[in-house]
Amino acid sequence: MTYPSTTADERDALEQFLDFHRDRVLKALDEVSDTEAATRVLGATDMTVGGIVKHLAAVEDLWFHRKLLDVPSSEPWRSAPFDQDPDWEWHSAAEQTVVELRKLYVDACATSRAVAGRISSLDEQAKRASFGEQFVNLRWVYLHMIEETAQHRGHLDLLLDAIRQARPSR
């Protein structure tokens, strides 16, 4: 994917920046094996490449599906044992392959795009409150998702650097 357009209107710019970071998240999966995605951690964190990608898929569902539409979460989030493990998406990613994680994230992003495509105005408010009684609008969701995805993309960059350095020299 190329860098977002410098002349896009507001909505196109938001969509392009979010898709730009989504694409970079997927590119991180291209660089790792199933074992590396599940196990390689860095320093004082227990984040893994797989955990980050699965978390981002969960966040896509939360904001575009759950908050904007106020409908029940889709699977695997609906039946996930979050009451027993609040970080379930981070921990359970180790049980999945890179191919499975990629599909989960690609599908979540496609669903988010479809939901956003049905909303005509960036000013339309979510159907479900966030942060207590506040209702965010689609613009806010786009900006938050750009922030969330870009932040975790930075974590992926650090993990990928550590994975590359840990690989045996050829």
Protein backbone atom coordinates (compact mmCIF):
# COMPACT_ATOMS: atom_id res chain seq x y z
CA MET A 1 0.00 0.00 0.00
CA THR A 2 1.19 3.48 -0.76
CA TYR A 3 1.21 6.37 1.66
CA PRO A 4 -2.20 8.08 2.04
CA SER A 5 -3.11 10.78 -0.44
CA THR A 6 -2.09 14.32 0.39
CA THR A 7 -5.22 15.73 -1.25
CA ALA A 8 -7.97 13.45 0.09
CA ASP A 9 -11.07 14.85 1.75
CA GLU A 10 -11.50 14.30 5.50
CA ARG A 11 -13.23 10.93 5.37
CA ASP A 12 -10.99 9.50 2.67
CA ALA A 13 -7.93 10.69 4.58
CA LEU A 14 -9.12 9.00 7.79
CA GLU A 15 -9.88 5.76 5.94
CA GLN A 16 -6.58 5.84 4.06
CA PHE A 17 -4.47 6.45 7.17
CA LEU A 18 -6.23 3.66 9.05
CA ASP A 19 -5.83 1.27 6.11
CA PHE A 20 -2.17 2.27 5.78
CA HIS A 21 -1.48 1.18 9.36
CA ARG A 22 -3.67 -1.92 9.02
CA ASP A 23 -1.60 -2.95 6.00
CA ARG A 24 1.64 -2.51 7.94
CA VAL A 25 0.27 -4.73 10.73
CA LEU A 26 -0.38 -7.46 8.15
CA LYS A 27 3.12 -7.03 6.72
CA ALA A 28 4.51 -7.82 10.18
CA LEU A 29 2.88 -11.26 9.94
CA ASP A 30 4.73 -11.85 6.68
CA GLU A 31 8.03 -11.75 8.56
CA VAL A 32 7.40 -14.27 11.32
CA SER A 33 6.87 -17.97 11.79
CA ASP A 34 4.07 -19.35 13.92
CA THR A 35 6.53 -19.92 16.78
CA GLU A 36 7.95 -16.40 16.54
CA ALA A 37 4.47 -14.88 16.46
CA ALA A 38 3.45 -16.84 19.55
CA THR A 39 6.50 -16.68 21.76
CA ARG A 40 8.95 -13.89 21.10
CA VAL A 41 8.66 -11.19 23.75
CA LEU A 42 10.72 -8.11 24.38
CA GLY A 43 12.00 -6.88 27.72
CA ALA A 44 9.44 -6.31 30.44
CA THR A 45 6.39 -6.94 28.27
CA ASP A 46 4.59 -10.15 27.44
CA MET A 47 3.38 -8.78 24.10
CA THR A 48 3.84 -11.02 21.09
CA VAL A 49 3.29 -10.37 17.40
CA GLY A 50 0.31 -12.72 17.47
CA GLY A 51 -1.12 -11.13 20.60
CA ILE A 52 -0.92 -7.67 19.09
CA VAL A 53 -2.66 -8.73 15.88
CA LYS A 54 -5.42 -10.54 17.76
CA HIS A 55 -5.86 -7.56 20.10
CA LEU A 56 -6.20 -5.24 17.09
CA ALA A 57 -8.85 -7.56 15.62
CA ALA A 58 -10.74 -7.37 18.95
CA VAL A 59 -10.50 -3.57 19.00
CA GLU A 60 -11.85 -3.38 15.43
CA ASP A 61 -14.87 -5.39 16.56
CA LEU A 62 -15.32 -3.36 19.73
CA TRP A 63 -15.37 0.08 18.13
CA PHE A 64 -16.94 -0.49 14.73
CA HIS A 65 -19.36 -3.27 15.64
CA ARG A 66 -20.12 -3.06 19.34
CA LYS A 67 -19.89 0.70 19.96
CA LEU A 68 -21.07 2.16 16.65
CA LEU A 69 -23.92 -0.31 16.10
CA ASP A 70 -24.60 -1.52 19.68
CA VAL A 71 -24.91 -5.12 18.56
CA PRO A 72 -23.38 -8.15 20.27
CA SER A 73 -19.76 -8.81 19.47
CA SER A 74 -19.02 -11.35 16.78
CA GLU A 75 -17.05 -14.52 17.40
CA PRO A 76 -14.58 -15.26 18.82
CA TRP A 77 -15.15 -12.25 21.08
CA ARG A 78 -18.73 -13.10 22.03
CA SER A 79 -17.81 -16.40 23.69
CA ALA A 80 -14.34 -15.42 24.90
CA PRO A 81 -13.79 -15.90 28.65
CA PHE A 82 -12.95 -12.25 29.37
CA ASP A 83 -14.40 -12.60 32.87
CA GLN A 84 -11.70 -15.19 33.67
CA ASP A 85 -8.93 -13.58 31.59
CA PRO A 86 -9.41 -9.88 30.73
CA ASP A 87 -6.43 -10.15 28.35
CA TRP A 88 -7.72 -13.29 26.67
CA GLU A 89 -7.04 -12.08 23.13
CA TRP A 90 -3.39 -11.45 24.01
CA HIS A 91 -2.90 -14.86 25.65
CA SER A 92 -4.98 -17.06 23.34
CA ALA A 93 -3.16 -15.84 20.23
CA ALA A 94 -0.33 -18.26 21.04
CA GLU A 95 -2.71 -21.10 20.13
CA GLN A 96 -3.19 -19.80 16.59
CA THR A 97 -1.08 -19.85 13.46
CA VAL A 98 0.01 -16.77 11.56
CA VAL A 99 -2.47 -17.74 8.82
CA GLU A 100 -5.33 -17.90 11.34
CA LEU A 101 -4.36 -14.58 12.93
CA ARG A 102 -4.12 -12.92 9.52
CA LYS A 103 -7.61 -14.14 8.59
CA LEU A 104 -9.05 -12.97 11.91
CA TYR A 105 -7.57 -9.49 11.44
CA VAL A 106 -8.42 -9.20 7.74
CA ASP A 107 -12.01 -10.25 8.45
CA ALA A 108 -12.31 -7.82 11.37
CA CYS A 109 -11.02 -4.95 9.23
CA ALA A 110 -13.39 -5.87 6.38
CA THR A 111 -16.33 -5.86 8.79
CA SER A 112 -15.22 -2.48 10.16
CA ARG A 113 -15.04 -1.04 6.64
CA ALA A 114 -18.51 -2.39 5.85
CA VAL A 115 -19.98 -0.89 9.05
CA ALA A 116 -18.35 2.49 8.42
CA GLY A 117 -19.52 2.39 4.80
CA ARG A 118 -23.13 2.24 5.97
CA ILE A 119 -22.72 5.42 8.02
CA SER A 120 -23.11 8.48 5.85
CA SER A 121 -21.67 11.17 8.12
CA LEU A 122 -18.54 11.38 10.24
CA ASP A 123 -20.70 13.25 12.76
CA GLU A 124 -23.06 10.30 13.33
CA GLN A 125 -22.85 9.18 16.92
CA ALA A 126 -22.29 5.66 18.13
CA LYS A 127 -25.33 3.82 19.42
CA ARG A 128 -23.51 2.67 22.56
CA ALA A 129 -21.93 5.01 25.10
CA SER A 130 -18.21 4.96 25.83
CA PHE A 131 -16.30 6.30 28.80
CA GLY A 132 -19.37 6.43 31.01
CA GLU A 133 -22.16 8.31 29.28
CA GLN A 134 -20.30 9.86 26.36
CA PHE A 135 -21.27 9.04 22.80
CA VAL A 136 -18.44 9.26 20.30
CA ASN A 137 -18.96 9.87 16.60
CA LEU A 138 -17.55 8.03 13.58
CA ARG A 139 -14.80 10.64 13.21
CA TRP A 140 -13.64 9.93 16.76
CA VAL A 141 -13.69 6.17 16.11
CA TYR A 142 -11.52 6.61 13.01
CA LEU A 143 -9.04 8.79 14.90
CA HIS A 144 -8.94 6.39 17.84
CA MET A 145 -8.40 3.39 15.58
CA ILE A 146 -5.59 5.20 13.75
CA GLU A 147 -4.02 5.92 17.14
CA GLU A 148 -4.50 2.34 18.41
CA THR A 149 -3.26 0.68 15.23
CA ALA A 150 -0.26 2.97 14.83
CA GLN A 151 0.72 2.55 18.49
CA HIS A 152 0.71 -1.23 18.20
CA ARG A 153 2.43 -1.03 14.84
CA GLY A 154 5.33 0.56 16.73
CA HIS A 155 5.31 -2.35 19.17
CA LEU A 156 5.39 -4.72 16.18
CA ASP A 157 8.43 -2.90 14.78
CA LEU A 158 10.30 -3.45 18.06
CA LEU A 159 9.31 -7.11 18.25
CA LEU A 160 10.29 -7.70 14.61
CA ASP A 161 13.70 -6.13 15.23
CA ALA A 162 14.22 -8.45 18.21
CA ILE A 163 13.08 -11.48 16.17
CA ARG A 164 15.45 -10.63 13.30
CA GLN A 165 18.38 -10.23 15.72
CA ALA A 166 17.61 -13.52 17.45
CA ARG A 167 17.60 -15.52 14.21
CA PRO A 168 20.75 -17.47 13.42
CA SER A 169 23.00 -15.86 10.81
CA ARG A 170 22.96 -17.51 7.43
